[in-house]
Amino acid sequence: MLPGSTALTTSFEETSTLFTASLSGSTDSSTKEILAFYAKTFSAQGFTPSDPEVQDPATVQQFVRSGGDDTANVTVVSRDGSFFYTASINTLPESAK
């Protein structure tokens, strides 16, 4: 979780073929700071980042690993001076870290 942010929701689901987890939070950190933190975090786990895309009103960054079998993404929305984000990941059970 991004230091200094507040967790709003979390989820985790495990099946025999897929692990899915997500975290939504709010922070005073900027979109750039949020994306930089998660790019570093996911890259350390072997994910390759794509360039962030603005999909008004959100900014989204995708990450892939294991030839695309494992994916992650971060979505950030700014509202009233605060930033809200969701970081999520989908991995095969054998590659979960």
PDB file of N, CA and C in Angstrom:
ATOM      1  N   MET A   1       0.846  -1.179   0.000  1.00  0.00           N
ATOM      2  CA  MET A   1       0.000   0.000   0.000  1.00  0.00           C
ATOM      3  C   MET A   1       0.891   1.241   0.000  1.00  0.00           C
ATOM      4  N   LEU A   2       0.499   2.222  -0.761  1.00  0.00           N
ATOM      5  CA  LEU A   2       1.224   3.485  -0.841  1.00  0.00           C
ATOM      6  C   LEU A   2       1.311   4.114   0.547  1.00  0.00           C
ATOM      7  N   PRO A   3       2.529   4.376   1.042  1.00  0.00           N
ATOM      8  CA  PRO A   3       2.661   5.016   2.357  1.00  0.00           C
ATOM      9  C   PRO A   3       1.907   6.342   2.409  1.00  0.00           C
ATOM     10  N   GLY A   4       1.250   6.583   3.530  1.00  0.00           N
ATOM     11  CA  GLY A   4       0.506   7.821   3.710  1.00  0.00           C
ATOM     12  C   GLY A   4      -0.886   7.801   3.134  1.00  0.00           C
ATOM     13  N   SER A   5      -1.295   6.682   2.550  1.00  0.00           N
ATOM     14  CA  SER A   5      -2.646   6.608   2.004  1.00  0.00           C
ATOM     15  C   SER A   5      -3.561   5.865   2.981  1.00  0.00           C
ATOM     16  N   THR A   6      -4.839   6.010   2.748  1.00  0.00           N
ATOM     17  CA  THR A   6      -5.855   5.355   3.570  1.00  0.00           C
ATOM     18  C   THR A   6      -6.532   4.273   2.747  1.00  0.00           C
ATOM     19  N   ALA A   7      -6.560   3.054   3.268  1.00  0.00           N
ATOM     20  CA  ALA A   7      -7.240   1.963   2.570  1.00  0.00           C
ATOM     21  C   ALA A   7      -8.747   2.179   2.652  1.00  0.00           C
ATOM     22  N   LEU A   8      -9.408   2.048   1.519  1.00  0.00           N
ATOM     23  CA  LEU A   8     -10.860   2.174   1.468  1.00  0.00           C
ATOM     24  C   LEU A   8     -11.527   0.809   1.338  1.00  0.00           C
ATOM     25  N   THR A   9     -11.001  -0.047   0.460  1.00  0.00           N
ATOM     26  CA  THR A   9     -11.508  -1.406   0.309  1.00  0.00           C
ATOM     27  C   THR A   9     -10.368  -2.323  -0.112  1.00  0.00           C
ATOM     28  N   THR A  10     -10.496  -3.580   0.228  1.00  0.00           N
ATOM     29  CA  THR A  10      -9.569  -4.600  -0.244  1.00  0.00           C
ATOM     30  C   THR A  10     -10.374  -5.834  -0.618  1.00  0.00           C
ATOM     31  N   SER A  11      -9.821  -6.625  -1.522  1.00  0.00           N
ATOM     32  CA  SER A  11     -10.471  -7.889  -1.863  1.00  0.00           C
ATOM     33  C   SER A  11      -9.420  -8.897  -2.292  1.00  0.00           C
ATOM     34  N   PHE A  12      -9.735 -10.160  -2.098  1.00  0.00           N
ATOM     35  CA  PHE A  12      -8.874 -11.251  -2.541  1.00  0.00           C
ATOM     36  C   PHE A  12      -9.761 -12.430  -2.874  1.00  0.00           C
ATOM     37  N   GLU A  13      -9.517 -13.013  -4.032  1.00  0.00           N
ATOM     38  CA  GLU A  13     -10.252 -14.217  -4.435  1.00  0.00           C
ATOM     39  C   GLU A  13      -9.246 -15.212  -4.997  1.00  0.00           C
ATOM     40  N   GLU A  14      -9.390 -16.445  -4.568  1.00  0.00           N
ATOM     41  CA  GLU A  14      -8.489 -17.515  -5.020  1.00  0.00           C
ATOM     42  C   GLU A  14      -9.307 -18.657  -5.600  1.00  0.00           C
ATOM     43  N   THR A  15      -8.966 -19.028  -6.838  1.00  0.00           N
ATOM     44  CA  THR A  15      -9.546 -20.219  -7.435  1.00  0.00           C
ATOM     45  C   THR A  15      -8.393 -21.139  -7.799  1.00  0.00           C
ATOM     46  N   SER A  16      -8.679 -22.273  -8.341  1.00  0.00           N
ATOM     47  CA  SER A  16      -7.612 -23.196  -8.724  1.00  0.00           C
ATOM     48  C   SER A  16      -6.817 -22.690  -9.920  1.00  0.00           C
ATOM     49  N   THR A  17      -7.353 -21.694 -10.639  1.00  0.00           N
ATOM     50  CA  THR A  17      -6.674 -21.201 -11.840  1.00  0.00           C
ATOM     51  C   THR A  17      -6.244 -19.736 -11.776  1.00  0.00           C
ATOM     52  N   LEU A  18      -6.681 -18.981 -10.744  1.00  0.00           N
ATOM     53  CA  LEU A  18      -6.376 -17.553 -10.722  1.00  0.00           C
ATOM     54  C   LEU A  18      -6.443 -16.990  -9.308  1.00  0.00           C
ATOM     55  N   PHE A  19      -5.474 -16.145  -8.975  1.00  0.00           N
ATOM     56  CA  PHE A  19      -5.514 -15.340  -7.755  1.00  0.00           C
ATOM     57  C   PHE A  19      -5.809 -13.910  -8.192  1.00  0.00           C
ATOM     58  N   THR A  20      -6.766 -13.259  -7.542  1.00  0.00           N
ATOM     59  CA  THR A  20      -7.123 -11.883  -7.843  1.00  0.00           C
ATOM     60  C   THR A  20      -7.152 -11.088  -6.545  1.00  0.00           C
ATOM     61  N   ALA A  21      -6.450  -9.959  -6.529  1.00  0.00           N
ATOM     62  CA  ALA A  21      -6.439  -9.100  -5.353  1.00  0.00           C
ATOM     63  C   ALA A  21      -6.539  -7.651  -5.796  1.00  0.00           C
ATOM     64  N   SER A  22      -7.173  -6.830  -4.949  1.00  0.00           N
ATOM     65  CA  SER A  22      -7.229  -5.402  -5.252  1.00  0.00           C
ATOM     66  C   SER A  22      -7.258  -4.607  -3.954  1.00  0.00           C
ATOM     67  N   LEU A  23      -6.800  -3.385  -4.068  1.00  0.00           N
ATOM     68  CA  LEU A  23      -6.767  -2.437  -2.965  1.00  0.00           C
ATOM     69  C   LEU A  23      -7.182  -1.092  -3.517  1.00  0.00           C
ATOM     70  N   SER A  24      -8.149  -0.452  -2.865  1.00  0.00           N
ATOM     71  CA  SER A  24      -8.522   0.914  -3.218  1.00  0.00           C
ATOM     72  C   SER A  24      -8.160   1.806  -2.051  1.00  0.00           C
ATOM     73  N   GLY A  25      -7.604   2.980  -2.372  1.00  0.00           N
ATOM     74  CA  GLY A  25      -7.188   3.886  -1.327  1.00  0.00           C
ATOM     75  C   GLY A  25      -7.339   5.334  -1.731  1.00  0.00           C
ATOM     76  N   SER A  26      -7.144   6.215  -0.749  1.00  0.00           N
ATOM     77  CA  SER A  26      -7.137   7.651  -1.009  1.00  0.00           C
ATOM     78  C   SER A  26      -5.861   8.230  -0.422  1.00  0.00           C
ATOM     79  N   THR A  27      -5.405   9.332  -1.027  1.00  0.00           N
ATOM     80  CA  THR A  27      -4.135   9.919  -0.623  1.00  0.00           C
ATOM     81  C   THR A  27      -4.055  11.369  -1.080  1.00  0.00           C
ATOM     82  N   ASP A  28      -3.103  12.091  -0.511  1.00  0.00           N
ATOM     83  CA  ASP A  28      -2.790  13.435  -0.987  1.00  0.00           C
ATOM     84  C   ASP A  28      -1.675  13.396  -2.022  1.00  0.00           C
ATOM     85  N   SER A  29      -1.064  12.230  -2.217  1.00  0.00           N
ATOM     86  CA  SER A  29       0.001  12.085  -3.214  1.00  0.00           C
ATOM     87  C   SER A  29      -0.584  12.277  -4.606  1.00  0.00           C
ATOM     88  N   SER A  30       0.232  12.760  -5.530  1.00  0.00           N
ATOM     89  CA  SER A  30      -0.225  13.030  -6.899  1.00  0.00           C
ATOM     90  C   SER A  30      -0.341  11.741  -7.714  1.00  0.00           C
ATOM     91  N   THR A  31      -0.995  11.858  -8.848  1.00  0.00           N
ATOM     92  CA  THR A  31      -1.092  10.728  -9.772  1.00  0.00           C
ATOM     93  C   THR A  31       0.303  10.212 -10.113  1.00  0.00           C
ATOM     94  N   LYS A  32       1.218  11.117 -10.419  1.00  0.00           N
ATOM     95  CA  LYS A  32       2.589  10.741 -10.772  1.00  0.00           C
ATOM     96  C   LYS A  32       3.261   9.968  -9.637  1.00  0.00           C
ATOM     97  N   GLU A  33       3.082  10.408  -8.400  1.00  0.00           N
ATOM     98  CA  GLU A  33       3.683   9.723  -7.248  1.00  0.00           C
ATOM     99  C   GLU A  33       3.066   8.344  -7.019  1.00  0.00           C
ATOM    100  N   ILE A  34       1.765   8.252  -7.187  1.00  0.00           N
ATOM    101  CA  ILE A  34       1.079   6.959  -7.014  1.00  0.00           C
ATOM    102  C   ILE A  34       1.573   5.961  -8.058  1.00  0.00           C
ATOM    103  N   LEU A  35       1.584   6.388  -9.318  1.00  0.00           N
ATOM    104  CA  LEU A  35       2.020   5.492 -10.392  1.00  0.00           C
ATOM    105  C   LEU A  35       3.487   5.110 -10.223  1.00  0.00           C
ATOM    106  N   ALA A  36       4.332   6.025  -9.792  1.00  0.00           N
ATOM    107  CA  ALA A  36       5.752   5.716  -9.583  1.00  0.00           C
ATOM    108  C   ALA A  36       5.926   4.677  -8.480  1.00  0.00           C
ATOM    109  N   PHE A  37       5.175   4.801  -7.398  1.00  0.00           N
ATOM    110  CA  PHE A  37       5.267   3.830  -6.305  1.00  0.00           C
ATOM    111  C   PHE A  37       4.880   2.432  -6.789  1.00  0.00           C
ATOM    112  N   TYR A  38       3.752   2.320  -7.484  1.00  0.00           N
ATOM    113  CA  TYR A  38       3.305   1.000  -7.925  1.00  0.00           C
ATOM    114  C   TYR A  38       4.141   0.458  -9.076  1.00  0.00           C
ATOM    115  N   ALA A  39       4.688   1.321  -9.919  1.00  0.00           N
ATOM    116  CA  ALA A  39       5.599   0.850 -10.968  1.00  0.00           C
ATOM    117  C   ALA A  39       6.830   0.211 -10.324  1.00  0.00           C
ATOM    118  N   LYS A  40       7.354   0.840  -9.297  1.00  0.00           N
ATOM    119  CA  LYS A  40       8.509   0.281  -8.584  1.00  0.00           C
ATOM    120  C   LYS A  40       8.129  -1.034  -7.896  1.00  0.00           C
ATOM    121  N   THR A  41       6.971  -1.047  -7.245  1.00  0.00           N
ATOM    122  CA  THR A  41       6.516  -2.242  -6.521  1.00  0.00           C
ATOM    123  C   THR A  41       6.292  -3.418  -7.469  1.00  0.00           C
ATOM    124  N   PHE A  42       5.553  -3.192  -8.557  1.00  0.00           N
ATOM    125  CA  PHE A  42       5.274  -4.280  -9.495  1.00  0.00           C
ATOM    126  C   PHE A  42       6.521  -4.683 -10.287  1.00  0.00           C
ATOM    127  N   SER A  43       7.362  -3.723 -10.648  1.00  0.00           N
ATOM    128  CA  SER A  43       8.602  -4.046 -11.367  1.00  0.00           C
ATOM    129  C   SER A  43       9.508  -4.933 -10.524  1.00  0.00           C
ATOM    130  N   ALA A  44       9.547  -4.695  -9.223  1.00  0.00           N
ATOM    131  CA  ALA A  44      10.356  -5.525  -8.322  1.00  0.00           C
ATOM    132  C   ALA A  44       9.861  -6.970  -8.290  1.00  0.00           C
ATOM    133  N   GLN A  45       8.620  -7.196  -8.701  1.00  0.00           N
ATOM    134  CA  GLN A  45       8.042  -8.539  -8.747  1.00  0.00           C
ATOM    135  C   GLN A  45       8.059  -9.110 -10.164  1.00  0.00           C
ATOM    136  N   GLY A  46       8.812  -8.469 -11.057  1.00  0.00           N
ATOM    137  CA  GLY A  46       8.987  -8.996 -12.409  1.00  0.00           C
ATOM    138  C   GLY A  46       7.984  -8.527 -13.437  1.00  0.00           C
ATOM    139  N   PHE A  47       7.140  -7.563 -13.091  1.00  0.00           N
ATOM    140  CA  PHE A  47       6.165  -7.034 -14.043  1.00  0.00           C
ATOM    141  C   PHE A  47       6.808  -5.964 -14.916  1.00  0.00           C
ATOM    142  N   THR A  48       6.366  -5.879 -16.152  1.00  0.00           N
ATOM    143  CA  THR A  48       6.817  -4.852 -17.081  1.00  0.00           C
ATOM    144  C   THR A  48       5.689  -3.834 -17.234  1.00  0.00           C
ATOM    145  N   PRO A  49       5.987  -2.542 -16.984  1.00  0.00           N
ATOM    146  CA  PRO A  49       4.926  -1.529 -17.085  1.00  0.00           C
ATOM    147  C   PRO A  49       4.710  -1.042 -18.516  1.00  0.00           C
ATOM    148  N   SER A  50       3.483  -0.676 -18.811  1.00  0.00           N
ATOM    149  CA  SER A  50       3.189   0.056 -20.045  1.00  0.00           C
ATOM    150  C   SER A  50       3.213   1.539 -19.689  1.00  0.00           C
ATOM    151  N   ASP A  51       3.114   2.385 -20.694  1.00  0.00           N
ATOM    152  CA  ASP A  51       3.012   3.818 -20.431  1.00  0.00           C
ATOM    153  C   ASP A  51       1.631   4.112 -19.853  1.00  0.00           C
ATOM    154  N   PRO A  52       1.558   5.022 -18.881  1.00  0.00           N
ATOM    155  CA  PRO A  52       0.242   5.410 -18.351  1.00  0.00           C
ATOM    156  C   PRO A  52      -0.621   6.015 -19.457  1.00  0.00           C
ATOM    157  N   GLU A  53      -1.919   5.770 -19.381  1.00  0.00           N
ATOM    158  CA  GLU A  53      -2.875   6.313 -20.342  1.00  0.00           C
ATOM    159  C   GLU A  53      -3.930   7.132 -19.609  1.00  0.00           C
ATOM    160  N   VAL A  54      -4.236   8.291 -20.139  1.00  0.00           N
ATOM    161  CA  VAL A  54      -5.314   9.094 -19.581  1.00  0.00           C
ATOM    162  C   VAL A  54      -6.613   8.650 -20.243  1.00  0.00           C
ATOM    163  N   GLN A  55      -7.527   8.173 -19.415  1.00  0.00           N
ATOM    164  CA  GLN A  55      -8.857   7.761 -19.861  1.00  0.00           C
ATOM    165  C   GLN A  55      -9.846   8.561 -19.024  1.00  0.00           C
ATOM    166  N   ASP A  56      -9.982   9.831 -19.385  1.00  0.00           N
ATOM    167  CA  ASP A  56     -10.687  10.826 -18.593  1.00  0.00           C
ATOM    168  C   ASP A  56     -11.925  10.278 -17.912  1.00  0.00           C
ATOM    169  N   PRO A  57     -12.067  10.384 -16.617  1.00  0.00           N
ATOM    170  CA  PRO A  57     -11.283  11.195 -15.695  1.00  0.00           C
ATOM    171  C   PRO A  57     -10.132  10.436 -15.020  1.00  0.00           C
ATOM    172  N   ALA A  58      -9.842   9.240 -15.446  1.00  0.00           N
ATOM    173  CA  ALA A  58      -8.835   8.411 -14.784  1.00  0.00           C
ATOM    174  C   ALA A  58      -7.531   8.350 -15.571  1.00  0.00           C
ATOM    175  N   THR A  59      -6.470   8.013 -14.858  1.00  0.00           N
ATOM    176  CA  THR A  59      -5.198   7.659 -15.473  1.00  0.00           C
ATOM    177  C   THR A  59      -4.948   6.199 -15.113  1.00  0.00           C
ATOM    178  N   VAL A  60      -4.611   5.381 -16.112  1.00  0.00           N
ATOM    179  CA  VAL A  60      -4.467   3.939 -15.933  1.00  0.00           C
ATOM    180  C   VAL A  60      -3.081   3.499 -16.396  1.00  0.00           C
ATOM    181  N   GLN A  61      -2.459   2.621 -15.611  1.00  0.00           N
ATOM    182  CA  GLN A  61      -1.200   2.014 -16.033  1.00  0.00           C
ATOM    183  C   GLN A  61      -1.325   0.504 -15.882  1.00  0.00           C
ATOM    184  N   GLN A  62      -0.944  -0.209 -16.939  1.00  0.00           N
ATOM    185  CA  GLN A  62      -1.019  -1.670 -16.986  1.00  0.00           C
ATOM    186  C   GLN A  62       0.374  -2.268 -16.786  1.00  0.00           C
ATOM    187  N   PHE A  63       0.422  -3.494 -16.270  1.00  0.00           N
ATOM    188  CA  PHE A  63       1.666  -4.222 -16.046  1.00  0.00           C
ATOM    189  C   PHE A  63       1.449  -5.672 -16.452  1.00  0.00           C
ATOM    190  N   VAL A  64       2.464  -6.318 -17.031  1.00  0.00           N
ATOM    191  CA  VAL A  64       2.355  -7.730 -17.405  1.00  0.00           C
ATOM    192  C   VAL A  64       3.597  -8.488 -16.962  1.00  0.00           C
ATOM    193  N   ARG A  65       3.407  -9.785 -16.765  1.00  0.00           N
ATOM    194  CA  ARG A  65       4.485 -10.695 -16.380  1.00  0.00           C
ATOM    195  C   ARG A  65       4.142 -12.071 -16.933  1.00  0.00           C
ATOM    196  N   SER A  66       5.133 -12.899 -17.085  1.00  0.00           N
ATOM    197  CA  SER A  66       4.919 -14.285 -17.527  1.00  0.00           C
ATOM    198  C   SER A  66       4.225 -14.341 -18.881  1.00  0.00           C
ATOM    199  N   GLY A  67       4.691 -13.524 -19.810  1.00  0.00           N
ATOM    200  CA  GLY A  67       4.123 -13.537 -21.156  1.00  0.00           C
ATOM    201  C   GLY A  67       2.689 -13.077 -21.219  1.00  0.00           C
ATOM    202  N   GLY A  68       2.252 -12.339 -20.228  1.00  0.00           N
ATOM    203  CA  GLY A  68       0.882 -11.835 -20.218  1.00  0.00           C
ATOM    204  C   GLY A  68      -0.072 -12.666 -19.383  1.00  0.00           C
ATOM    205  N   ASP A  69       0.407 -13.795 -18.815  1.00  0.00           N
ATOM    206  CA  ASP A  69      -0.465 -14.607 -17.969  1.00  0.00           C
ATOM    207  C   ASP A  69      -0.794 -13.906 -16.658  1.00  0.00           C
ATOM    208  N   ASP A  70       0.141 -13.088 -16.166  1.00  0.00           N
ATOM    209  CA  ASP A  70      -0.064 -12.318 -14.944  1.00  0.00           C
ATOM    210  C   ASP A  70      -0.218 -10.856 -15.331  1.00  0.00           C
ATOM    211  N   THR A  71      -1.234 -10.202 -14.800  1.00  0.00           N
ATOM    212  CA  THR A  71      -1.467  -8.791 -15.112  1.00  0.00           C
ATOM    213  C   THR A  71      -1.734  -8.008 -13.832  1.00  0.00           C
ATOM    214  N   ALA A  72      -1.430  -6.740 -13.908  1.00  0.00           N
ATOM    215  CA  ALA A  72      -1.744  -5.826 -12.812  1.00  0.00           C
ATOM    216  C   ALA A  72      -2.094  -4.487 -13.440  1.00  0.00           C
ATOM    217  N   ASN A  73      -2.822  -3.671 -12.696  1.00  0.00           N
ATOM    218  CA  ASN A  73      -3.082  -2.324 -13.171  1.00  0.00           C
ATOM    219  C   ASN A  73      -3.329  -1.397 -11.996  1.00  0.00           C
ATOM    220  N   VAL A  74      -3.088  -0.132 -12.255  1.00  0.00           N
ATOM    221  CA  VAL A  74      -3.342   0.919 -11.278  1.00  0.00           C
ATOM    222  C   VAL A  74      -4.179   1.983 -11.975  1.00  0.00           C
ATOM    223  N   THR A  75      -5.268   2.357 -11.330  1.00  0.00           N
ATOM    224  CA  THR A  75      -6.156   3.390 -11.845  1.00  0.00           C
ATOM    225  C   THR A  75      -6.221   4.512 -10.812  1.00  0.00           C
ATOM    226  N   VAL A  76      -6.015   5.757 -11.256  1.00  0.00           N
ATOM    227  CA  VAL A  76      -6.016   6.912 -10.359  1.00  0.00           C
ATOM    228  C   VAL A  76      -7.022   7.939 -10.858  1.00  0.00           C
ATOM    229  N   VAL A  77      -7.809   8.467  -9.918  1.00  0.00           N
ATOM    230  CA  VAL A  77      -8.767   9.527 -10.216  1.00  0.00           C
ATOM    231  C   VAL A  77      -8.565  10.645  -9.190  1.00  0.00           C
ATOM    232  N   SER A  78      -8.508  11.888  -9.673  1.00  0.00           N
ATOM    233  CA  SER A  78      -8.390  13.046  -8.799  1.00  0.00           C
ATOM    234  C   SER A  78      -9.763  13.667  -8.610  1.00  0.00           C
ATOM    235  N   ARG A  79     -10.076  13.973  -7.337  1.00  0.00           N
ATOM    236  CA  ARG A  79     -11.376  14.592  -7.059  1.00  0.00           C
ATOM    237  C   ARG A  79     -11.236  15.518  -5.841  1.00  0.00           C
ATOM    238  N   ASP A  80     -11.581  16.775  -6.013  1.00  0.00           N
ATOM    239  CA  ASP A  80     -11.593  17.750  -4.915  1.00  0.00           C
ATOM    240  C   ASP A  80     -10.276  17.798  -4.147  1.00  0.00           C
ATOM    241  N   GLY A  81      -9.151  17.730  -4.851  1.00  0.00           N
ATOM    242  CA  GLY A  81      -7.846  17.843  -4.218  1.00  0.00           C
ATOM    243  C   GLY A  81      -7.314  16.565  -3.619  1.00  0.00           C
ATOM    244  N   SER A  82      -8.076  15.493  -3.663  1.00  0.00           N
ATOM    245  CA  SER A  82      -7.627  14.189  -3.185  1.00  0.00           C
ATOM    246  C   SER A  82      -7.466  13.252  -4.370  1.00  0.00           C
ATOM    247  N   PHE A  83      -6.686  12.229  -4.178  1.00  0.00           N
ATOM    248  CA  PHE A  83      -6.458  11.243  -5.228  1.00  0.00           C
ATOM    249  C   PHE A  83      -6.950   9.889  -4.728  1.00  0.00           C
ATOM    250  N   PHE A  84      -7.712   9.213  -5.553  1.00  0.00           N
ATOM    251  CA  PHE A  84      -8.253   7.894  -5.245  1.00  0.00           C
ATOM    252  C   PHE A  84      -7.659   6.910  -6.248  1.00  0.00           C
ATOM    253  N   TYR A  85      -7.235   5.763  -5.756  1.00  0.00           N
ATOM    254  CA  TYR A  85      -6.598   4.799  -6.647  1.00  0.00           C
ATOM    255  C   TYR A  85      -7.050   3.384  -6.326  1.00  0.00           C
ATOM    256  N   THR A  86      -6.936   2.537  -7.339  1.00  0.00           N
ATOM    257  CA  THR A  86      -7.138   1.103  -7.169  1.00  0.00           C
ATOM    258  C   THR A  86      -5.959   0.403  -7.813  1.00  0.00           C
ATOM    259  N   ALA A  87      -5.317  -0.465  -7.055  1.00  0.00           N
ATOM    260  CA  ALA A  87      -4.241  -1.311  -7.564  1.00  0.00           C
ATOM    261  C   ALA A  87      -4.766  -2.738  -7.529  1.00  0.00           C
ATOM    262  N   SER A  88      -4.696  -3.422  -8.657  1.00  0.00           N
ATOM    263  CA  SER A  88      -5.207  -4.789  -8.709  1.00  0.00           C
ATOM    264  C   SER A  88      -4.232  -5.693  -9.458  1.00  0.00           C
ATOM    265  N   ILE A  89      -4.338  -6.978  -9.162  1.00  0.00           N
ATOM    266  CA  ILE A  89      -3.439  -7.958  -9.759  1.00  0.00           C
ATOM    267  C   ILE A  89      -4.184  -9.257  -9.985  1.00  0.00           C
ATOM    268  N   ASN A  90      -3.881  -9.913 -11.106  1.00  0.00           N
ATOM    269  CA  ASN A  90      -4.400 -11.235 -11.440  1.00  0.00           C
ATOM    270  C   ASN A  90      -3.209 -12.115 -11.772  1.00  0.00           C
ATOM    271  N   THR A  91      -2.998 -13.191 -11.013  1.00  0.00           N
ATOM    272  CA  THR A  91      -1.856 -14.061 -11.256  1.00  0.00           C
ATOM    273  C   THR A  91      -2.285 -15.524 -11.267  1.00  0.00           C
ATOM    274  N   LEU A  92      -1.514 -16.312 -11.993  1.00  0.00           N
ATOM    275  CA  LEU A  92      -1.673 -17.751 -11.924  1.00  0.00           C
ATOM    276  C   LEU A  92      -1.212 -18.193 -10.539  1.00  0.00           C
ATOM    277  N   PRO A  93      -1.835 -19.218  -9.945  1.00  0.00           N
ATOM    278  CA  PRO A  93      -1.429 -19.646  -8.615  1.00  0.00           C
ATOM    279  C   PRO A  93       0.061 -19.962  -8.491  1.00  0.00           C
ATOM    280  N   GLU A  94       0.656 -20.560  -9.520  1.00  0.00           N
ATOM    281  CA  GLU A  94       2.069 -20.937  -9.432  1.00  0.00           C
ATOM    282  C   GLU A  94       3.013 -19.739  -9.483  1.00  0.00           C
ATOM    283  N   SER A  95       2.534 -18.571  -9.884  1.00  0.00           N
ATOM    284  CA  SER A  95       3.409 -17.401  -9.940  1.00  0.00           C
ATOM    285  C   SER A  95       3.069 -16.350  -8.895  1.00  0.00           C
ATOM    286  N   ALA A  96       2.124 -16.640  -7.999  1.00  0.00           N
ATOM    287  CA  ALA A  96       1.754 -15.682  -6.961  1.00  0.00           C
ATOM    288  C   ALA A  96       2.918 -15.460  -6.009  1.00  0.00           C
ATOM    289  N   LYS A  97       3.158 -14.200  -5.682  1.00  0.00           N
ATOM    290  CA  LYS A  97       4.235 -13.828  -4.757  1.00  0.00           C
ATOM    291  C   LYS A  97       3.684 -12.982  -3.643  1.00  0.00           C
TER     292      LYS A  97
END
